[in-house]
Amino acid sequence: MQVELLEKLSAADAAIILEHLPEKIKTALIARATEIEYPVEAIIEMALASFLDTEALGFADCKLGRGQ
């Protein structure tokens, strides 16, 4: 099996992540995605990327150690 490296989170991966989150966080992420009319995978990606790099909009922009 080959692993494909992507600079974005897939819908399938987002669904797996959502399954494992506490209900309160899951609900908040889905609500935010609905509110700004973005796919939930984009919202999860933005949340993770901004945690790692406060200046990043998504994984493609993420540079560890910057913005801290």
N, C-alpha and C. Protein backbone atom coordinates (compact mmCIF):
# COMPACT_ATOMS: atom_id res chain seq x y z
N MET A 1 0.84 -1.18 0.00
CA MET A 1 0.00 0.00 0.00
C MET A 1 0.89 1.24 0.00
N GLN A 2 0.60 2.17 -0.89
CA GLN A 2 1.33 3.43 -0.94
C GLN A 2 0.55 4.50 -0.21
N VAL A 3 1.28 5.39 0.42
CA VAL A 3 0.67 6.51 1.11
C VAL A 3 0.89 7.75 0.26
N GLU A 4 -0.19 8.46 -0.02
CA GLU A 4 -0.10 9.69 -0.79
C GLU A 4 -0.09 10.87 0.16
N LEU A 5 0.94 11.70 0.05
CA LEU A 5 1.03 12.88 0.90
C LEU A 5 0.29 14.04 0.24
N LEU A 6 -0.64 14.60 0.97
CA LEU A 6 -1.45 15.70 0.46
C LEU A 6 -1.23 16.93 1.32
N GLU A 7 -1.42 18.09 0.71
CA GLU A 7 -1.33 19.33 1.48
C GLU A 7 -2.70 19.80 1.91
N LYS A 8 -3.66 18.89 1.91
CA LYS A 8 -4.98 19.21 2.42
C LYS A 8 -5.60 17.96 3.01
N LEU A 9 -6.55 18.15 3.87
CA LEU A 9 -7.23 17.06 4.55
C LEU A 9 -8.38 16.57 3.67
N SER A 10 -8.49 15.26 3.50
CA SER A 10 -9.57 14.71 2.69
C SER A 10 -10.86 14.63 3.51
N ALA A 11 -11.98 14.53 2.82
CA ALA A 11 -13.28 14.41 3.49
C ALA A 11 -13.33 13.12 4.32
N ALA A 12 -12.74 12.05 3.79
CA ALA A 12 -12.73 10.77 4.51
C ALA A 12 -11.92 10.88 5.80
N ASP A 13 -10.76 11.52 5.72
CA ASP A 13 -9.93 11.71 6.92
C ASP A 13 -10.63 12.61 7.94
N ALA A 14 -11.31 13.64 7.46
CA ALA A 14 -12.04 14.54 8.35
C ALA A 14 -13.14 13.77 9.10
N ALA A 15 -13.82 12.89 8.41
CA ALA A 15 -14.87 12.10 9.05
C ALA A 15 -14.30 11.22 10.16
N ILE A 16 -13.13 10.64 9.92
CA ILE A 16 -12.49 9.80 10.94
C ILE A 16 -12.09 10.65 12.15
N ILE A 17 -11.53 11.82 11.89
CA ILE A 17 -11.15 12.72 12.98
C ILE A 17 -12.39 13.11 13.80
N LEU A 18 -13.46 13.50 13.11
CA LEU A 18 -14.69 13.91 13.81
C LEU A 18 -15.24 12.79 14.70
N GLU A 19 -15.13 11.54 14.25
CA GLU A 19 -15.62 10.40 15.04
C GLU A 19 -14.94 10.31 16.40
N HIS A 20 -13.70 10.76 16.46
CA HIS A 20 -12.90 10.59 17.67
C HIS A 20 -12.84 11.83 18.56
N LEU A 21 -13.51 12.87 18.17
CA LEU A 21 -13.51 14.10 18.97
C LEU A 21 -14.66 14.11 19.97
N PRO A 22 -14.48 14.82 21.08
CA PRO A 22 -15.60 14.99 22.01
C PRO A 22 -16.76 15.68 21.28
N GLU A 23 -17.97 15.35 21.68
CA GLU A 23 -19.17 15.86 21.00
C GLU A 23 -19.21 17.38 20.91
N LYS A 24 -18.79 18.05 21.98
CA LYS A 24 -18.82 19.51 22.02
C LYS A 24 -17.92 20.11 20.93
N ILE A 25 -16.73 19.55 20.74
CA ILE A 25 -15.80 20.04 19.73
C ILE A 25 -16.30 19.70 18.33
N LYS A 26 -16.78 18.49 18.18
CA LYS A 26 -17.33 18.05 16.89
C LYS A 26 -18.47 18.98 16.45
N THR A 27 -19.37 19.26 17.37
CA THR A 27 -20.51 20.13 17.07
C THR A 27 -20.05 21.53 16.70
N ALA A 28 -19.06 22.05 17.42
CA ALA A 28 -18.54 23.39 17.14
C ALA A 28 -17.89 23.47 15.76
N LEU A 29 -17.12 22.46 15.39
CA LEU A 29 -16.47 22.44 14.08
C LEU A 29 -17.50 22.39 12.95
N ILE A 30 -18.49 21.55 13.10
CA ILE A 30 -19.54 21.42 12.08
C ILE A 30 -20.35 22.72 12.00
N ALA A 31 -20.65 23.32 13.14
CA ALA A 31 -21.40 24.58 13.15
C ALA A 31 -20.62 25.68 12.45
N ARG A 32 -19.31 25.75 12.71
CA ARG A 32 -18.48 26.79 12.07
C ARG A 32 -18.42 26.57 10.56
N ALA A 33 -18.29 25.32 10.14
CA ALA A 33 -18.25 25.01 8.71
C ALA A 33 -19.56 25.42 8.04
N THR A 34 -20.66 25.16 8.69
CA THR A 34 -21.96 25.54 8.16
C THR A 34 -22.11 27.05 8.11
N GLU A 35 -21.67 27.71 9.17
CA GLU A 35 -21.79 29.17 9.27
C GLU A 35 -21.04 29.89 8.15
N ILE A 36 -19.84 29.45 7.83
CA ILE A 36 -19.06 30.15 6.80
C ILE A 36 -19.10 29.43 5.45
N GLU A 37 -19.92 28.40 5.37
CA GLU A 37 -20.14 27.65 4.12
C GLU A 37 -18.84 27.09 3.54
N TYR A 38 -18.07 26.43 4.42
CA TYR A 38 -16.83 25.74 4.04
C TYR A 38 -17.02 24.26 4.34
N PRO A 39 -16.31 23.41 3.63
CA PRO A 39 -16.34 21.98 3.99
C PRO A 39 -15.73 21.77 5.37
N VAL A 40 -16.26 20.84 6.14
CA VAL A 40 -15.77 20.62 7.50
C VAL A 40 -14.29 20.23 7.48
N GLU A 41 -13.83 19.54 6.44
CA GLU A 41 -12.42 19.17 6.39
C GLU A 41 -11.52 20.41 6.31
N ALA A 42 -11.99 21.47 5.68
CA ALA A 42 -11.22 22.72 5.61
C ALA A 42 -11.16 23.38 6.99
N ILE A 43 -12.24 23.31 7.74
CA ILE A 43 -12.28 23.89 9.08
C ILE A 43 -11.34 23.14 10.03
N ILE A 44 -11.35 21.82 9.95
CA ILE A 44 -10.45 21.02 10.78
C ILE A 44 -9.00 21.33 10.42
N GLU A 45 -8.72 21.38 9.12
CA GLU A 45 -7.36 21.69 8.66
C GLU A 45 -6.91 23.06 9.16
N MET A 46 -7.78 24.06 9.04
CA MET A 46 -7.43 25.40 9.51
C MET A 46 -7.18 25.42 11.02
N ALA A 47 -7.99 24.69 11.77
CA ALA A 47 -7.81 24.65 13.23
C ALA A 47 -6.48 24.02 13.59
N LEU A 48 -6.15 22.91 12.96
CA LEU A 48 -4.88 22.24 13.26
C LEU A 48 -3.69 23.08 12.81
N ALA A 49 -3.77 23.64 11.61
CA ALA A 49 -2.66 24.44 11.08
C ALA A 49 -2.43 25.68 11.94
N SER A 50 -3.51 26.33 12.37
CA SER A 50 -3.34 27.55 13.18
C SER A 50 -2.80 27.21 14.57
N PHE A 51 -3.07 26.01 15.05
CA PHE A 51 -2.49 25.57 16.32
C PHE A 51 -0.98 25.41 16.19
N LEU A 52 -0.53 24.88 15.04
CA LEU A 52 0.89 24.65 14.80
C LEU A 52 1.63 25.92 14.39
N ASP A 53 0.93 26.80 13.68
CA ASP A 53 1.54 28.03 13.15
C ASP A 53 0.45 29.09 13.09
N THR A 54 0.52 30.08 13.96
CA THR A 54 -0.55 31.07 14.05
C THR A 54 -0.74 31.89 12.78
N GLU A 55 0.23 31.86 11.87
CA GLU A 55 0.11 32.61 10.62
C GLU A 55 -0.40 31.76 9.46
N ALA A 56 -0.58 30.46 9.67
CA ALA A 56 -0.99 29.55 8.59
C ALA A 56 -2.50 29.57 8.39
N LEU A 57 -2.91 29.49 7.13
CA LEU A 57 -4.32 29.35 6.79
C LEU A 57 -4.71 27.89 6.63
N GLY A 58 -3.75 27.06 6.27
CA GLY A 58 -3.97 25.63 6.06
C GLY A 58 -2.64 24.91 6.09
N PHE A 59 -2.65 23.61 5.83
CA PHE A 59 -1.43 22.82 5.89
C PHE A 59 -0.36 23.30 4.91
N ALA A 60 -0.76 23.76 3.74
CA ALA A 60 0.20 24.22 2.73
C ALA A 60 0.99 25.43 3.23
N ASP A 61 0.39 26.25 4.08
CA ASP A 61 1.04 27.45 4.61
C ASP A 61 1.81 27.19 5.91
N CYS A 62 1.64 26.03 6.50
CA CYS A 62 2.17 25.76 7.83
C CYS A 62 3.69 25.63 7.82
N LYS A 63 4.32 26.44 8.67
CA LYS A 63 5.76 26.37 8.88
C LYS A 63 5.97 26.30 10.40
N LEU A 64 6.30 25.12 10.86
CA LEU A 64 6.44 24.91 12.31
C LEU A 64 7.41 25.89 12.92
N GLY A 65 7.04 26.42 14.07
CA GLY A 65 7.90 27.34 14.79
C GLY A 65 7.68 28.80 14.45
N ARG A 66 6.95 29.08 13.38
CA ARG A 66 6.69 30.46 12.99
C ARG A 66 5.44 30.94 13.72
N GLY A 67 5.40 32.20 14.06
CA GLY A 67 4.19 32.78 14.62
C GLY A 67 3.93 32.46 16.08
N GLN A 68 4.92 31.95 16.78
CA GLN A 68 4.70 31.58 18.18
C GLN A 68 5.30 32.58 19.11
